[in-house]
N, C-alpha and C. Protein backbone atom coordinates (compact mmCIF):
# COMPACT_ATOMS: atom_id res chain seq x y z
N MET A 1 77.99 148.50 89.48
CA MET A 1 77.87 147.94 90.81
C MET A 1 76.58 147.13 90.89
N VAL A 2 76.64 145.99 91.51
CA VAL A 2 75.49 145.12 91.67
C VAL A 2 74.72 145.52 92.93
N ALA A 3 73.42 145.65 92.80
CA ALA A 3 72.58 146.02 93.95
C ALA A 3 72.47 144.85 94.91
N ARG A 4 72.58 145.16 96.19
CA ARG A 4 72.41 144.12 97.21
C ARG A 4 70.93 143.85 97.43
N PRO A 5 70.59 142.59 97.63
CA PRO A 5 69.19 142.30 97.94
C PRO A 5 68.84 142.86 99.32
N PRO A 6 67.58 143.22 99.53
CA PRO A 6 67.19 143.76 100.84
C PRO A 6 67.43 142.73 101.95
N SER A 7 67.83 143.22 103.09
CA SER A 7 68.10 142.35 104.23
C SER A 7 66.80 141.97 104.93
N PRO A 8 66.58 140.68 105.19
CA PRO A 8 65.38 140.29 105.92
C PRO A 8 65.40 140.81 107.36
N VAL A 9 66.59 141.02 107.91
CA VAL A 9 66.69 141.54 109.27
C VAL A 9 66.21 142.99 109.31
N GLY A 10 66.52 143.76 108.27
CA GLY A 10 66.09 145.16 108.22
C GLY A 10 64.59 145.31 108.34
N ALA A 11 63.84 144.38 107.80
CA ALA A 11 62.39 144.44 107.90
C ALA A 11 61.90 144.14 109.31
N LEU A 12 62.69 143.43 110.09
CA LEU A 12 62.28 143.07 111.45
C LEU A 12 62.47 144.20 112.45
N ILE A 13 63.38 145.12 112.16
CA ILE A 13 63.69 146.19 113.11
C ILE A 13 62.47 147.05 113.42
N PRO A 14 61.74 147.57 112.43
CA PRO A 14 60.55 148.37 112.78
C PRO A 14 59.52 147.57 113.59
N ARG A 15 59.38 146.30 113.28
CA ARG A 15 58.43 145.48 114.04
C ARG A 15 58.87 145.30 115.48
N PHE A 16 60.17 145.16 115.70
CA PHE A 16 60.68 145.00 117.06
C PHE A 16 60.37 146.22 117.91
N PHE A 17 60.56 147.41 117.36
CA PHE A 17 60.36 148.64 118.12
C PHE A 17 58.92 149.12 118.15
N ALA A 18 58.06 148.61 117.30
CA ALA A 18 56.67 149.08 117.22
C ALA A 18 55.97 148.94 118.56
N GLY A 19 55.40 150.05 119.03
CA GLY A 19 54.63 150.04 120.27
C GLY A 19 55.45 149.99 121.54
N ARG A 20 56.76 150.03 121.44
CA ARG A 20 57.62 149.96 122.63
C ARG A 20 58.15 151.34 122.99
N HIS A 21 58.36 151.53 124.26
CA HIS A 21 59.00 152.75 124.75
C HIS A 21 60.49 152.45 124.91
N VAL A 22 61.33 153.35 124.40
CA VAL A 22 62.77 153.16 124.39
C VAL A 22 63.42 154.24 125.25
N LEU A 23 64.30 153.83 126.16
CA LEU A 23 65.09 154.76 126.94
C LEU A 23 66.49 154.78 126.35
N ILE A 24 66.95 155.97 125.94
CA ILE A 24 68.27 156.12 125.34
C ILE A 24 69.12 156.94 126.29
N THR A 25 70.23 156.38 126.73
CA THR A 25 71.15 157.12 127.60
C THR A 25 72.30 157.67 126.77
N GLY A 26 72.96 158.69 127.29
CA GLY A 26 74.07 159.29 126.57
C GLY A 26 73.63 160.21 125.45
N ALA A 27 72.44 160.75 125.56
CA ALA A 27 71.84 161.51 124.47
C ALA A 27 72.45 162.88 124.24
N THR A 28 73.30 163.36 125.12
CA THR A 28 73.86 164.70 124.90
C THR A 28 74.94 164.71 123.83
N GLY A 29 75.51 163.59 123.53
CA GLY A 29 76.58 163.53 122.52
C GLY A 29 76.04 163.14 121.17
N PHE A 30 76.29 161.90 120.78
CA PHE A 30 75.89 161.40 119.47
C PHE A 30 74.40 161.53 119.24
N MET A 31 73.60 161.10 120.20
CA MET A 31 72.14 161.15 120.02
C MET A 31 71.64 162.58 119.95
N GLY A 32 72.34 163.50 120.60
CA GLY A 32 71.97 164.91 120.48
C GLY A 32 72.09 165.38 119.04
N LYS A 33 73.10 164.90 118.34
CA LYS A 33 73.27 165.25 116.92
C LYS A 33 72.14 164.64 116.08
N VAL A 34 71.75 163.41 116.40
CA VAL A 34 70.64 162.77 115.70
C VAL A 34 69.35 163.56 115.95
N PHE A 35 69.15 163.97 117.19
CA PHE A 35 67.98 164.77 117.56
C PHE A 35 67.92 166.04 116.71
N ASP A 36 69.05 166.71 116.51
CA ASP A 36 69.08 167.92 115.69
C ASP A 36 68.66 167.64 114.26
N VAL A 37 69.11 166.53 113.69
CA VAL A 37 68.73 166.17 112.33
C VAL A 37 67.22 165.92 112.25
N ILE A 38 66.68 165.20 113.21
CA ILE A 38 65.23 164.93 113.23
C ILE A 38 64.47 166.24 113.34
N ARG A 39 64.93 167.12 114.20
CA ARG A 39 64.25 168.40 114.41
C ARG A 39 64.22 169.20 113.11
N GLN A 40 65.27 169.14 112.32
CA GLN A 40 65.34 169.90 111.09
C GLN A 40 64.59 169.25 109.94
N THR A 41 64.62 167.93 109.86
CA THR A 41 64.06 167.23 108.69
C THR A 41 62.65 166.69 108.89
N ASN A 42 62.28 166.37 110.12
CA ASN A 42 60.96 165.77 110.36
C ASN A 42 60.47 166.17 111.75
N PRO A 43 60.16 167.45 111.96
CA PRO A 43 59.81 167.93 113.30
C PRO A 43 58.58 167.26 113.91
N ALA A 44 57.70 166.69 113.10
CA ALA A 44 56.51 166.02 113.65
C ALA A 44 56.91 164.82 114.52
N GLN A 45 58.08 164.23 114.26
CA GLN A 45 58.54 163.09 115.04
C GLN A 45 58.92 163.48 116.46
N LEU A 46 59.14 164.77 116.70
CA LEU A 46 59.53 165.22 118.04
C LEU A 46 58.43 164.95 119.07
N ASP A 47 57.20 164.82 118.62
CA ASP A 47 56.10 164.50 119.55
C ASP A 47 56.31 163.16 120.23
N LYS A 48 57.14 162.31 119.63
CA LYS A 48 57.39 160.98 120.19
C LYS A 48 58.53 160.98 121.21
N LEU A 49 59.22 162.11 121.35
CA LEU A 49 60.40 162.17 122.22
C LEU A 49 60.10 162.88 123.53
N ARG A 50 60.69 162.40 124.59
CA ARG A 50 60.64 163.05 125.90
C ARG A 50 62.05 163.07 126.45
N VAL A 51 62.49 164.22 126.88
CA VAL A 51 63.81 164.35 127.47
C VAL A 51 63.68 164.19 128.98
N ILE A 52 64.46 163.28 129.53
CA ILE A 52 64.46 163.04 130.98
C ILE A 52 65.89 163.22 131.46
N PRO A 53 66.20 164.38 132.04
CA PRO A 53 67.56 164.59 132.53
C PRO A 53 67.88 163.61 133.67
N GLY A 54 69.00 162.97 133.58
CA GLY A 54 69.43 162.03 134.61
C GLY A 54 70.93 161.87 134.58
N ASP A 55 71.44 161.01 135.44
CA ASP A 55 72.88 160.79 135.54
C ASP A 55 73.12 159.30 135.74
N VAL A 56 73.68 158.64 134.72
CA VAL A 56 73.88 157.19 134.80
C VAL A 56 74.89 156.80 135.86
N SER A 57 75.67 157.75 136.36
CA SER A 57 76.64 157.42 137.41
C SER A 57 76.01 157.46 138.81
N GLU A 58 74.77 157.91 138.89
CA GLU A 58 74.06 158.00 140.17
C GLU A 58 73.13 156.79 140.35
N PRO A 59 72.89 156.38 141.58
CA PRO A 59 71.89 155.32 141.82
C PRO A 59 70.53 155.78 141.30
N GLY A 60 69.83 154.87 140.65
CA GLY A 60 68.51 155.19 140.12
C GLY A 60 68.54 156.28 139.07
N LEU A 61 69.67 156.39 138.38
CA LEU A 61 69.87 157.41 137.34
C LEU A 61 69.78 158.84 137.87
N GLY A 62 69.81 158.99 139.19
CA GLY A 62 69.70 160.31 139.79
C GLY A 62 68.29 160.88 139.69
N LEU A 63 67.32 160.01 139.45
CA LEU A 63 65.92 160.44 139.28
C LEU A 63 65.15 160.29 140.58
N PRO A 64 64.09 161.08 140.75
CA PRO A 64 63.21 160.84 141.89
C PRO A 64 62.61 159.44 141.81
N GLN A 65 62.30 158.84 142.93
CA GLN A 65 61.76 157.48 142.97
C GLN A 65 60.50 157.35 142.12
N SER A 66 59.65 158.38 142.12
CA SER A 66 58.40 158.31 141.35
C SER A 66 58.70 158.22 139.85
N ALA A 67 59.66 159.00 139.36
CA ALA A 67 60.02 158.95 137.94
C ALA A 67 60.68 157.62 137.59
N LEU A 68 61.52 157.13 138.47
CA LEU A 68 62.18 155.85 138.24
C LEU A 68 61.17 154.72 138.16
N GLN A 69 60.17 154.75 139.00
CA GLN A 69 59.14 153.72 138.99
C GLN A 69 58.37 153.73 137.67
N ILE A 70 58.04 154.92 137.17
CA ILE A 70 57.34 155.02 135.88
C ILE A 70 58.21 154.42 134.77
N LEU A 71 59.50 154.74 134.77
CA LEU A 71 60.39 154.17 133.76
C LEU A 71 60.43 152.65 133.83
N LYS A 72 60.50 152.12 135.03
CA LYS A 72 60.54 150.66 135.20
C LYS A 72 59.29 150.00 134.64
N GLU A 73 58.16 150.67 134.76
CA GLU A 73 56.89 150.10 134.30
C GLU A 73 56.70 150.25 132.79
N VAL A 74 57.27 151.29 132.20
CA VAL A 74 56.96 151.65 130.82
C VAL A 74 58.03 151.23 129.81
N ILE A 75 59.30 151.34 130.17
CA ILE A 75 60.38 151.13 129.21
C ILE A 75 60.49 149.66 128.81
N GLY A 76 60.50 149.43 127.49
CA GLY A 76 60.64 148.07 126.98
C GLY A 76 62.01 147.79 126.38
N VAL A 77 62.74 148.86 126.02
CA VAL A 77 64.05 148.71 125.40
C VAL A 77 64.98 149.78 125.97
N LEU A 78 66.20 149.38 126.32
CA LEU A 78 67.20 150.31 126.83
C LEU A 78 68.37 150.34 125.85
N CYS A 79 68.73 151.52 125.37
CA CYS A 79 69.88 151.70 124.48
C CYS A 79 70.88 152.60 125.17
N ARG A 80 72.06 152.07 125.44
CA ARG A 80 73.13 152.85 126.07
C ARG A 80 74.03 153.38 124.97
N THR A 81 74.06 154.70 124.79
CA THR A 81 74.82 155.28 123.70
C THR A 81 75.97 156.16 124.17
N HIS A 82 76.24 156.19 125.45
CA HIS A 82 77.34 157.04 125.91
C HIS A 82 78.68 156.33 125.70
N PHE A 83 79.68 157.13 125.48
CA PHE A 83 81.01 156.61 125.19
C PHE A 83 82.02 157.25 126.13
N ALA A 84 83.09 156.56 126.40
CA ALA A 84 84.19 157.12 127.19
C ALA A 84 85.34 157.42 126.24
N PHE A 85 85.80 158.64 126.28
CA PHE A 85 86.93 159.05 125.44
C PHE A 85 88.09 159.48 126.32
N GLN A 86 89.28 159.08 125.93
CA GLN A 86 90.49 159.56 126.58
C GLN A 86 91.44 160.04 125.50
N PHE A 87 91.92 161.25 125.64
CA PHE A 87 92.83 161.82 124.65
C PHE A 87 94.19 162.00 125.26
């Protein structure tokens, strides 16, 4: 098998996120599983995480106005990771 050359885009990803605060929604599902892996393999990284319980179906994420204002001032990147499943 021939090795693929490194992607120039891959090198840009860490630079994009460096120094930014990221809000991830939908963390109880897929991201919860990622959180478990981080907790088991690199627990020192947990210092960078803060859990903020909220509800994306509620106005203002269901957060108190004071918490919502802090998020508006601090968050630089929003990642929506929740999914809708119908069986």
